[in-house]
């Protein structure tokens, strides 16, 4: 299993347990976002604290989560983004589109 979900303060936290968010793990993440959105979760924090690599498939999965939340007037954020993943986000010019927090706790506070 590459992901673990938990709910805190009515916010869904999706913890990425894999070091790579790529073509092998991205489809599972997209499925989690879709499944959880159908259950009513539209405030999602994606914790990337353990993820050291992200390719275009991973970025695509992140954007799916962002879009699903926005489509339902929710909130979507990234937390604990590691340097190489942040570099990919910046290269793709997504740092202005995505909310990025240093840790989950700050994201939870901002979601209040």
C-alpha atoms as a PDB file:
ATOM      1  CA  UNK A   1       0.000   0.000   0.000  1.00  0.00           C
ATOM      2  CA  UNK A   2       1.413   3.359  -1.070  1.00  0.00           C
ATOM      3  CA  UNK A   3      -1.077   5.589   0.755  1.00  0.00           C
ATOM      4  CA  UNK A   4      -2.769   5.931   4.124  1.00  0.00           C
ATOM      5  CA  UNK A   5      -5.750   8.168   4.788  1.00  0.00           C
ATOM      6  CA  UNK A   6      -6.897   9.718   8.035  1.00  0.00           C
ATOM      7  CA  UNK A   7      -9.422  12.363   9.035  1.00  0.00           C
ATOM      8  CA  UNK A   8      -8.553  15.246  11.374  1.00  0.00           C
ATOM      9  CA  UNK A   9     -10.915  18.135  12.065  1.00  0.00           C
ATOM     10  CA  UNK A  10     -13.162  16.987   9.194  1.00  0.00           C
ATOM     11  CA  UNK A  11     -10.205  17.250   6.796  1.00  0.00           C
ATOM     12  CA  UNK A  12      -8.922  14.260   4.882  1.00  0.00           C
ATOM     13  CA  UNK A  13      -5.176  13.743   5.072  1.00  0.00           C
ATOM     14  CA  UNK A  14      -3.702  11.475   2.427  1.00  0.00           C
ATOM     15  CA  UNK A  15      -0.240  10.348   3.502  1.00  0.00           C
ATOM     16  CA  UNK A  16       1.976   9.187   0.667  1.00  0.00           C
ATOM     17  CA  UNK A  17       4.058   6.317   2.042  1.00  0.00           C
ATOM     18  CA  UNK A  18       6.050   5.723  -1.135  1.00  0.00           C
ATOM     19  CA  UNK A  19       9.286   7.499  -1.979  1.00  0.00           C
ATOM     20  CA  UNK A  20       8.145   7.823  -5.597  1.00  0.00           C
ATOM     21  CA  UNK A  21       4.946   9.312  -6.952  1.00  0.00           C
ATOM     22  CA  UNK A  22       5.122   8.084 -10.532  1.00  0.00           C
ATOM     23  CA  UNK A  23       3.376   6.037 -13.211  1.00  0.00           C
ATOM     24  CA  UNK A  24       3.140   3.067 -10.845  1.00  0.00           C
ATOM     25  CA  UNK A  25       1.587   4.863  -7.864  1.00  0.00           C
ATOM     26  CA  UNK A  26      -0.265   7.803  -9.458  1.00  0.00           C
ATOM     27  CA  UNK A  27      -3.320   5.797 -10.628  1.00  0.00           C
ATOM     28  CA  UNK A  28      -3.925   4.604  -7.054  1.00  0.00           C
ATOM     29  CA  UNK A  29      -3.736   8.185  -5.781  1.00  0.00           C
ATOM     30  CA  UNK A  30      -6.222   9.368  -8.416  1.00  0.00           C
ATOM     31  CA  UNK A  31      -8.570   6.563  -7.352  1.00  0.00           C
ATOM     32  CA  UNK A  32      -8.276   7.579  -3.707  1.00  0.00           C
ATOM     33  CA  UNK A  33      -9.117  11.201  -4.541  1.00  0.00           C
ATOM     34  CA  UNK A  34     -12.129  10.157  -6.611  1.00  0.00           C
ATOM     35  CA  UNK A  35     -13.388   7.662  -4.013  1.00  0.00           C
ATOM     36  CA  UNK A  36     -12.993  10.098  -1.118  1.00  0.00           C
ATOM     37  CA  UNK A  37     -14.615  12.949  -3.042  1.00  0.00           C
ATOM     38  CA  UNK A  38     -17.650  10.730  -3.689  1.00  0.00           C
ATOM     39  CA  UNK A  39     -17.796  10.082   0.075  1.00  0.00           C
ATOM     40  CA  UNK A  40     -18.032  13.846   0.612  1.00  0.00           C
ATOM     41  CA  UNK A  41     -14.437  14.754   1.402  1.00  0.00           C
ATOM     42  CA  UNK A  42     -13.606  17.989  -0.387  1.00  0.00           C
ATOM     43  CA  UNK A  43     -10.977  19.348   2.001  1.00  0.00           C
ATOM     44  CA  UNK A  44      -7.844  17.311   1.361  1.00  0.00           C
ATOM     45  CA  UNK A  45      -4.244  17.635   2.486  1.00  0.00           C
ATOM     46  CA  UNK A  46      -1.712  15.540   0.591  1.00  0.00           C
ATOM     47  CA  UNK A  47       1.244  14.799   2.865  1.00  0.00           C
ATOM     48  CA  UNK A  48       4.350  14.313   0.723  1.00  0.00           C
ATOM     49  CA  UNK A  49       6.817  14.086   3.599  1.00  0.00           C
ATOM     50  CA  UNK A  50       8.202  10.702   2.503  1.00  0.00           C
ATOM     51  CA  UNK A  51       8.105  11.351  -1.235  1.00  0.00           C
ATOM     52  CA  UNK A  52      11.468  12.132  -2.798  1.00  0.00           C
ATOM     53  CA  UNK A  53      10.537  11.862  -6.482  1.00  0.00           C
ATOM     54  CA  UNK A  54       7.551  12.881  -8.579  1.00  0.00           C
ATOM     55  CA  UNK A  55       7.154  12.591 -12.346  1.00  0.00           C
ATOM     56  CA  UNK A  56       4.501  13.991 -14.687  1.00  0.00           C
ATOM     57  CA  UNK A  57       2.085  11.180 -13.759  1.00  0.00           C
ATOM     58  CA  UNK A  58       2.436  12.130 -10.110  1.00  0.00           C
ATOM     59  CA  UNK A  59       1.830  15.790 -10.912  1.00  0.00           C
ATOM     60  CA  UNK A  60      -1.234  14.772 -12.900  1.00  0.00           C
ATOM     61  CA  UNK A  61      -2.606  12.866  -9.893  1.00  0.00           C
ATOM     62  CA  UNK A  62      -2.006  15.902  -7.674  1.00  0.00           C
ATOM     63  CA  UNK A  63      -3.890  18.097 -10.145  1.00  0.00           C
ATOM     64  CA  UNK A  64      -6.809  15.636 -10.153  1.00  0.00           C
ATOM     65  CA  UNK A  65      -7.098  16.035  -6.379  1.00  0.00           C
ATOM     66  CA  UNK A  66      -6.896  19.806  -6.702  1.00  0.00           C
ATOM     67  CA  UNK A  67      -9.590  19.899  -9.405  1.00  0.00           C
ATOM     68  CA  UNK A  68     -11.971  17.573  -7.547  1.00  0.00           C
ATOM     69  CA  UNK A  69     -11.766  19.765  -4.454  1.00  0.00           C
ATOM     70  CA  UNK A  70     -12.200  23.006  -6.389  1.00  0.00           C
ATOM     71  CA  UNK A  71     -15.181  21.594  -8.309  1.00  0.00           C
ATOM     72  CA  UNK A  72     -16.986  21.053  -4.994  1.00  0.00           C
ATOM     73  CA  UNK A  73     -15.923  24.381  -3.409  1.00  0.00           C
ATOM     74  CA  UNK A  74     -13.428  22.542  -1.239  1.00  0.00           C
ATOM     75  CA  UNK A  75      -9.774  23.022  -0.407  1.00  0.00           C
ATOM     76  CA  UNK A  76      -6.688  21.122  -1.496  1.00  0.00           C
ATOM     77  CA  UNK A  77      -3.160  21.507  -0.188  1.00  0.00           C
ATOM     78  CA  UNK A  78       0.235  19.863  -0.203  1.00  0.00           C
ATOM     79  CA  UNK A  79       2.261  19.471   2.981  1.00  0.00           C
ATOM     80  CA  UNK A  80       5.880  18.592   3.700  1.00  0.00           C
ATOM     81  CA  UNK A  81       6.898  18.791   0.055  1.00  0.00           C
ATOM     82  CA  UNK A  82      10.475  17.540  -0.337  1.00  0.00           C
ATOM     83  CA  UNK A  83      12.981  19.573  -2.366  1.00  0.00           C
ATOM     84  CA  UNK A  84      13.043  17.426  -5.527  1.00  0.00           C
ATOM     85  CA  UNK A  85       9.255  17.258  -5.662  1.00  0.00           C
ATOM     86  CA  UNK A  86       9.011  21.008  -5.090  1.00  0.00           C
ATOM     87  CA  UNK A  87      11.466  21.528  -7.935  1.00  0.00           C
ATOM     88  CA  UNK A  88       9.186  19.529 -10.265  1.00  0.00           C
ATOM     89  CA  UNK A  89       6.178  21.576  -9.143  1.00  0.00           C
ATOM     90  CA  UNK A  90       8.078  24.792  -9.841  1.00  0.00           C
ATOM     91  CA  UNK A  91       9.347  23.590 -13.243  1.00  0.00           C
ATOM     92  CA  UNK A  92       5.753  22.759 -14.194  1.00  0.00           C
ATOM     93  CA  UNK A  93       4.770  26.242 -12.960  1.00  0.00           C
ATOM     94  CA  UNK A  94       2.229  24.792 -10.547  1.00  0.00           C
ATOM     95  CA  UNK A  95       3.477  26.541  -7.408  1.00  0.00           C
ATOM     96  CA  UNK A  96       1.000  29.380  -8.027  1.00  0.00           C
ATOM     97  CA  UNK A  97      -1.877  26.928  -8.539  1.00  0.00           C
ATOM     98  CA  UNK A  98      -1.259  24.651  -5.551  1.00  0.00           C
ATOM     99  CA  UNK A  99      -1.288  25.606  -1.875  1.00  0.00           C
ATOM    100  CA  UNK A 100       1.898  24.353  -0.257  1.00  0.00           C
ATOM    101  CA  UNK A 101       2.516  24.181   3.494  1.00  0.00           C
ATOM    102  CA  UNK A 102       5.626  23.224   5.452  1.00  0.00           C
ATOM    103  CA  UNK A 103       3.648  20.661   7.488  1.00  0.00           C
ATOM    104  CA  UNK A 104       0.202  19.135   7.947  1.00  0.00           C
ATOM    105  CA  UNK A 105      -0.525  21.117  11.123  1.00  0.00           C
ATOM    106  CA  UNK A 106      -0.154  24.471   9.331  1.00  0.00           C
ATOM    107  CA  UNK A 107      -2.378  23.279   6.511  1.00  0.00           C
ATOM    108  CA  UNK A 108      -5.019  22.173   9.034  1.00  0.00           C
ATOM    109  CA  UNK A 109      -4.884  25.574  10.754  1.00  0.00           C
ATOM    110  CA  UNK A 110      -5.297  27.400   7.448  1.00  0.00           C
ATOM    111  CA  UNK A 111      -8.259  25.179   6.541  1.00  0.00           C
ATOM    112  CA  UNK A 112     -10.209  26.352   9.626  1.00  0.00           C
END
